[in-house]
Amino acid sequence: MRPDQPIREQALAWAMLTREPDFADWDGFTAWLEADAEHADAYDAVQFALDEADAALDIMPETEFTLAANDNPPKGWMTTRRAWLGGAIAASLVLALSFIFGFGPQGETLYATAPGETRLIALDDGSTVELGGGSRLAVLDDRAARLEGGQALFTIRHDAADPFVLTAGADRLVDAGTVFDVRLAGKALDLAVAEGAVIVNPEAQALRVDAGERAVRTGERYWVGPIDPQAVGEWTRGRISFEAASLAEIAAELTRATGIVFTAAPSDIRLAGSIALDQVRADPRALEALLGVRVTPRGKGWVIAAE
């Protein structure tokens, strides 16, 4: 590893090396990670991009390349070819994303967490952000950030003259208080305020969400209702709650929060409940008693089905 390489290039090189089955230089890799806190951030971002590339490769047809009838390729040619293609796509994707969200434009700092991982980010002005599992946050400066996906709890030092602004998908959230939680799943936004207030899209809807309120957007519609302020950000304390959630939504959130892969069997039912994450990590079948569902192992993960 050349010490004069930019950190993002070093991270990409280590990421590709550590994915090799015969990789052995774990001491060197650990030393590189511990040499600078930015190394771990860059490596996490690269791995996230590589995982997305792998997911895209999984859905590619096996017949991507065709052979003439008289060709006689060596045994394992297609497997090797697909492996090479996957690495090339992954590397290209990482390099492309390094300028989009992987490392951000100059002046931005990207934070990415793996499923099941959380991270506390301290801003220079004394504000903090706790980033949930499977989430991506770009910090533009102390008073502006962009949530790319996942969930984060913001504890912001309020400044009426210089409010904190968060972009989350298509929404612009302006802090008029102190503590609020934001979850972005695809295009769906879920905002809950524990202290102060947040103004949603000041130049459009100008929707004010006060402490003890929750705003949910699906499509173009916003719904606002009450929430216990003590429940805001409860995932940081090891618990997640659902209200009228589909099995697919529950499976996705549990995967992100625990790092255990959950999928959902087709079902129209919607459930409400509160789940202690430590119980699920210890035994995924604990969901059966908690939610009244059936949980069965499949491959490396678990399937949630209606009872």
Protein backbone atom coordinates (compact mmCIF):
# COMPACT_ATOMS: atom_id res chain seq x y z
CA MET A 1 0.00 0.00 0.00
CA ARG A 2 1.59 3.27 -1.08
CA PRO A 3 1.53 5.88 1.72
CA ASP A 4 1.22 8.69 -0.85
CA GLN A 5 -2.08 7.36 -2.22
CA PRO A 6 -5.24 9.32 -1.32
CA ILE A 7 -7.11 7.69 1.55
CA ARG A 8 -10.02 6.69 -0.68
CA GLU A 9 -7.68 4.82 -3.04
CA GLN A 10 -6.02 3.05 -0.11
CA ALA A 11 -9.47 2.09 1.21
CA LEU A 12 -10.48 0.68 -2.16
CA ALA A 13 -7.24 -1.30 -2.40
CA TRP A 14 -7.69 -2.77 1.10
CA ALA A 15 -11.36 -3.54 0.42
CA MET A 16 -10.51 -5.50 -2.72
CA LEU A 17 -7.68 -7.32 -0.94
CA THR A 18 -9.72 -8.31 2.13
CA ARG A 19 -12.42 -9.80 -0.11
CA GLU A 20 -9.92 -12.35 -1.46
CA PRO A 21 -10.37 -15.78 0.21
CA ASP A 22 -6.61 -16.20 0.70
CA PHE A 23 -5.99 -12.73 2.18
CA ALA A 24 -3.61 -13.03 5.15
CA ASP A 25 -2.23 -9.57 5.94
CA TRP A 26 -4.72 -8.81 8.72
CA ASP A 27 -2.01 -7.23 10.89
CA GLY A 28 -1.16 -4.77 8.13
CA PHE A 29 -4.82 -4.01 7.52
CA THR A 30 -5.46 -3.43 11.24
CA ALA A 31 -2.44 -1.15 11.48
CA TRP A 32 -3.74 0.89 8.52
CA LEU A 33 -7.21 1.20 10.10
CA GLU A 34 -5.78 2.34 13.43
CA ALA A 35 -3.39 4.86 11.88
CA ASP A 36 -6.12 7.42 11.18
CA ALA A 37 -9.83 7.64 12.08
CA GLU A 38 -10.56 8.66 8.47
CA HIS A 39 -9.29 5.28 7.27
CA ALA A 40 -12.19 3.41 8.88
CA ASP A 41 -14.73 5.89 7.49
CA ALA A 42 -13.35 5.50 3.97
CA TYR A 43 -13.17 1.71 4.24
CA ASP A 44 -16.80 1.49 5.47
CA ALA A 45 -17.97 3.65 2.57
CA VAL A 46 -16.10 1.52 0.03
CA GLN A 47 -17.45 -1.72 1.48
CA PHE A 48 -20.98 -0.34 1.34
CA ALA A 49 -20.52 0.43 -2.36
CA LEU A 50 -19.02 -3.00 -3.00
CA ASP A 51 -21.98 -4.67 -1.29
CA GLU A 52 -24.36 -2.73 -3.52
CA ALA A 53 -22.34 -3.81 -6.55
CA ASP A 54 -22.57 -7.44 -5.42
CA ALA A 55 -26.32 -7.09 -5.08
CA ALA A 56 -26.53 -5.75 -8.63
CA LEU A 57 -24.36 -8.59 -9.91
CA ASP A 58 -26.60 -11.18 -8.25
CA ILE A 59 -29.45 -10.27 -10.57
CA MET A 60 -27.34 -10.38 -13.76
CA PRO A 61 -28.13 -13.31 -16.06
CA GLU A 62 -25.63 -16.13 -16.13
CA THR A 63 -25.58 -15.93 -19.96
CA GLU A 64 -24.07 -12.46 -20.06
CA PHE A 65 -21.41 -13.83 -22.41
CA THR A 66 -22.11 -16.36 -25.20
CA LEU A 67 -19.76 -18.78 -26.93
CA ALA A 68 -19.71 -20.10 -30.44
CA ALA A 69 -20.82 -23.72 -30.84
CA ASN A 70 -17.28 -24.92 -31.55
CA ASP A 71 -15.71 -23.10 -28.62
CA ASN A 72 -14.38 -25.25 -25.82
CA PRO A 73 -13.85 -23.00 -22.78
CA PRO A 74 -11.92 -24.31 -19.80
CA LYS A 75 -13.86 -25.66 -16.87
CA GLY A 76 -15.03 -22.88 -14.56
CA TRP A 77 -14.67 -20.20 -17.25
CA MET A 78 -18.07 -18.65 -16.58
CA THR A 79 -17.56 -18.57 -12.82
CA THR A 80 -14.17 -16.92 -13.24
CA ARG A 81 -15.52 -14.52 -15.83
CA ARG A 82 -18.42 -13.47 -13.58
CA ALA A 83 -16.07 -13.05 -10.63
CA TRP A 84 -13.81 -10.80 -12.71
CA LEU A 85 -16.82 -8.88 -14.01
CA GLY A 86 -18.16 -8.44 -10.49
CA GLY A 87 -14.84 -7.05 -9.30
CA ALA A 88 -14.64 -4.68 -12.25
CA ILE A 89 -18.19 -3.44 -11.74
CA ALA A 90 -17.61 -3.06 -8.00
CA ALA A 91 -14.38 -1.14 -8.50
CA SER A 92 -15.96 1.10 -11.10
CA LEU A 93 -18.94 1.70 -8.88
CA VAL A 94 -16.74 2.64 -5.94
CA LEU A 95 -14.75 5.10 -8.04
CA ALA A 96 -17.94 6.65 -9.40
CA LEU A 97 -19.60 6.86 -6.01
CA SER A 98 -16.48 8.45 -4.53
CA PHE A 99 -17.54 11.62 -6.32
CA ILE A 100 -21.26 11.22 -5.60
CA PHE A 101 -21.78 9.90 -2.08
CA GLY A 102 -18.92 7.55 -1.25
CA PHE A 103 -16.56 10.33 -0.28
CA GLY A 104 -18.49 13.40 -1.27
CA PRO A 105 -17.41 16.59 -2.97
CA GLN A 106 -14.59 18.57 -1.42
CA GLY A 107 -15.62 19.84 1.99
CA GLU A 108 -18.12 17.04 2.71
CA THR A 109 -17.48 14.25 5.16
CA LEU A 110 -19.30 10.97 4.66
CA TYR A 111 -20.24 8.66 7.50
CA ALA A 112 -21.56 5.19 6.70
CA THR A 113 -22.56 2.38 9.03
CA ALA A 114 -23.01 -1.31 8.34
CA PRO A 115 -26.28 -3.00 9.33
CA GLY A 116 -26.29 -3.54 13.09
CA GLU A 117 -23.69 -0.83 13.68
CA THR A 118 -24.26 2.61 15.24
CA ARG A 119 -21.95 5.59 15.33
CA LEU A 120 -21.86 8.82 17.33
CA ILE A 121 -20.72 11.85 15.31
CA ALA A 122 -19.61 14.96 17.18
CA LEU A 123 -19.85 18.23 15.26
CA ASP A 124 -17.46 21.07 16.04
CA ASP A 125 -20.22 23.35 17.37
CA GLY A 126 -21.15 20.87 20.11
CA SER A 127 -24.04 19.24 18.23
CA THR A 128 -24.12 15.46 17.87
CA VAL A 129 -25.61 12.95 15.45
CA GLU A 130 -26.13 9.29 16.28
CA LEU A 131 -26.20 7.31 13.08
CA GLY A 132 -28.19 4.06 12.99
CA GLY A 133 -27.26 0.82 11.27
CA GLY A 134 -27.16 0.64 7.49
CA SER A 135 -27.19 4.44 7.19
CA ARG A 136 -25.31 7.10 5.25
CA LEU A 137 -24.88 10.73 6.27
CA ALA A 138 -22.91 13.46 4.51
CA VAL A 139 -21.89 16.34 6.78
CA LEU A 140 -21.44 19.51 4.74
CA ASP A 141 -20.47 21.67 7.73
CA ASP A 142 -21.55 22.17 11.34
CA ARG A 143 -24.92 23.56 10.24
CA ALA A 144 -25.80 21.40 7.25
CA ALA A 145 -25.99 17.69 6.47
CA ARG A 146 -27.60 15.28 4.04
CA LEU A 147 -29.13 11.94 5.07
CA GLU A 148 -28.69 9.57 2.13
CA GLY A 149 -30.56 6.69 3.73
CA GLY A 150 -31.23 4.99 7.04
CA GLN A 151 -31.81 6.71 10.37
CA ALA A 152 -30.17 9.31 12.58
CA LEU A 153 -30.89 11.07 15.87
CA PHE A 154 -29.87 14.74 15.87
CA THR A 155 -29.09 16.68 19.05
CA ILE A 156 -28.47 20.17 17.71
CA ARG A 157 -27.20 23.35 19.35
CA HIS A 158 -29.96 25.72 18.33
CA ASP A 159 -29.03 29.02 16.70
CA ALA A 160 -31.94 31.05 15.35
CA ALA A 161 -29.56 33.16 13.27
CA ASP A 162 -27.90 30.10 11.72
CA PRO A 163 -30.31 27.14 11.85
CA PHE A 164 -29.19 23.58 11.19
CA VAL A 165 -30.49 22.31 7.83
CA LEU A 166 -30.87 18.64 6.98
CA THR A 167 -31.66 17.38 3.49
CA ALA A 168 -33.39 14.00 3.60
CA GLY A 169 -34.41 12.74 0.20
CA ALA A 170 -36.71 15.32 -1.36
CA ASP A 171 -37.28 17.11 1.94
CA ARG A 172 -35.47 20.02 3.56
CA LEU A 173 -35.69 20.01 7.37
CA VAL A 174 -34.79 23.18 9.27
CA ASP A 175 -34.07 22.92 12.98
CA ALA A 176 -36.07 25.20 15.25
CA GLY A 177 -35.24 23.27 18.40
CA THR A 178 -32.89 20.66 19.74
CA VAL A 179 -33.60 16.91 19.41
CA PHE A 180 -35.20 15.11 16.47
CA ASP A 181 -35.03 11.71 14.79
CA VAL A 182 -35.18 11.13 11.03
CA ARG A 183 -35.62 7.87 9.13
CA LEU A 184 -35.37 7.75 5.34
CA ALA A 185 -36.42 4.47 3.69
CA GLY A 186 -36.48 4.86 -0.06
CA LYS A 187 -38.63 7.94 -0.63
CA ALA A 188 -40.54 7.59 2.65
CA LEU A 189 -39.67 10.05 5.42
CA ASP A 190 -40.37 9.57 9.13
CA LEU A 191 -39.58 12.55 11.38
CA ALA A 192 -40.09 12.57 15.16
CA VAL A 193 -39.32 15.53 17.44
CA ALA A 194 -38.40 15.18 21.11
CA GLU A 195 -37.46 18.80 21.89
CA GLY A 196 -38.02 22.09 20.09
CA ALA A 197 -39.41 21.93 16.56
CA VAL A 198 -38.50 21.17 12.95
CA ILE A 199 -39.84 23.02 9.91
CA VAL A 200 -40.37 20.73 6.91
CA ASN A 201 -39.76 22.41 3.53
CA PRO A 202 -40.02 26.05 4.71
CA GLU A 203 -40.39 27.32 1.14
CA ALA A 204 -43.13 24.84 0.19
CA GLN A 205 -45.29 23.04 2.78
CA ALA A 206 -43.77 24.97 5.71
CA LEU A 207 -44.97 22.16 7.97
CA ARG A 208 -44.03 22.73 11.61
CA VAL A 209 -43.48 19.59 13.68
CA ASP A 210 -43.26 20.34 17.40
CA ALA A 211 -41.94 18.31 20.31
CA GLY A 212 -44.15 15.29 20.87
CA GLU A 213 -45.15 15.13 17.20
CA ARG A 214 -44.26 12.85 14.34
CA ALA A 215 -44.53 13.57 10.60
CA VAL A 216 -44.60 10.79 8.02
CA ARG A 217 -44.45 11.31 4.28
CA THR A 218 -45.35 8.65 1.74
CA GLY A 219 -45.62 9.87 -1.81
CA GLU A 220 -46.68 13.51 -1.77
CA ARG A 221 -48.81 13.36 1.39
CA TYR A 222 -47.74 14.22 4.94
CA TRP A 223 -49.37 12.83 8.06
CA VAL A 224 -48.75 14.42 11.47
CA GLY A 225 -49.67 12.80 14.77
CA PRO A 226 -48.62 12.59 18.41
CA ILE A 227 -45.66 10.62 19.74
CA ASP A 228 -44.25 10.16 23.22
CA PRO A 229 -41.12 12.35 23.31
CA GLN A 230 -39.42 9.66 25.40
CA ALA A 231 -39.86 7.23 22.50
CA VAL A 232 -38.01 9.46 20.03
CA GLY A 233 -34.68 7.85 19.17
CA GLU A 234 -35.47 4.77 21.23
CA TRP A 235 -33.42 2.69 18.78
CA THR A 236 -30.32 4.29 20.34
CA ARG A 237 -31.38 2.56 23.55
CA GLY A 238 -31.87 -0.83 21.93
CA ARG A 239 -35.56 -0.79 21.05
CA ILE A 240 -37.63 -0.22 17.91
CA SER A 241 -41.40 0.16 17.64
CA PHE A 242 -43.82 -0.33 14.78
CA GLU A 243 -47.29 0.94 14.08
CA ALA A 244 -49.32 -0.57 11.21
CA ALA A 245 -46.11 -1.83 9.58
CA SER A 246 -46.00 -4.52 6.90
CA LEU A 247 -43.86 -7.63 7.37
CA ALA A 248 -41.54 -6.34 4.64
CA GLU A 249 -41.06 -3.05 6.49
CA ILE A 250 -40.42 -4.86 9.76
CA ALA A 251 -37.91 -7.22 8.11
CA ALA A 252 -36.03 -4.32 6.51
CA GLU A 253 -35.81 -2.34 9.76
CA LEU A 254 -34.72 -5.36 11.78
CA THR A 255 -31.99 -6.14 9.25
CA ARG A 256 -30.71 -2.58 9.41
CA ALA A 257 -30.88 -2.39 13.21
CA THR A 258 -29.44 -5.82 14.09
CA GLY A 259 -27.22 -6.81 11.18
CA ILE A 260 -29.15 -10.11 10.95
CA VAL A 261 -30.70 -10.69 7.53
CA PHE A 262 -34.50 -10.86 7.71
CA THR A 263 -36.86 -11.26 4.78
CA ALA A 264 -40.65 -11.38 4.74
CA ALA A 265 -43.05 -13.89 3.24
CA PRO A 266 -45.83 -12.30 1.15
CA SER A 267 -48.60 -11.04 3.43
CA ASP A 268 -51.09 -8.19 3.64
CA ILE A 269 -51.10 -8.02 7.43
CA ARG A 270 -49.83 -4.98 9.30
CA LEU A 271 -48.56 -5.12 12.86
CA ALA A 272 -47.85 -2.87 15.80
CA GLY A 273 -45.40 -3.65 18.55
CA SER A 274 -42.20 -2.83 20.38
CA ILE A 275 -39.10 -4.98 20.05
CA ALA A 276 -36.02 -5.19 22.27
CA LEU A 277 -33.15 -5.63 19.83
CA ASP A 278 -30.95 -7.61 22.23
CA GLN A 279 -33.64 -10.31 22.40
CA VAL A 280 -33.73 -10.57 18.62
CA ARG A 281 -29.95 -10.66 18.33
CA ALA A 282 -29.80 -13.45 20.89
CA ASP A 283 -32.58 -15.45 19.21
CA PRO A 284 -34.42 -14.26 16.09
CA ARG A 285 -37.28 -16.60 17.01
CA ALA A 286 -38.07 -14.24 19.90
CA LEU A 287 -40.07 -12.27 17.30
CA GLU A 288 -42.68 -15.00 17.35
CA ALA A 289 -43.79 -14.13 20.88
CA LEU A 290 -43.20 -10.40 20.43
CA LEU A 291 -45.22 -9.98 17.23
CA GLY A 292 -47.28 -13.14 16.88
CA VAL A 293 -45.51 -14.23 13.69
CA ARG A 294 -43.65 -17.31 12.50
CA VAL A 295 -39.85 -17.05 12.10
CA THR A 296 -37.90 -19.74 10.27
CA PRO A 297 -34.25 -19.98 9.20
CA ARG A 298 -33.40 -19.79 5.49
CA GLY A 299 -29.82 -19.85 4.30
CA LYS A 300 -27.86 -17.27 6.30
CA GLY A 301 -30.98 -15.36 7.34
CA TRP A 302 -34.51 -15.65 8.68
CA VAL A 303 -37.96 -15.41 7.12
CA ILE A 304 -40.84 -13.68 8.92
CA ALA A 305 -44.29 -14.99 7.98
CA ALA A 306 -47.82 -14.43 9.22
CA GLU A 307 -48.93 -16.97 11.82
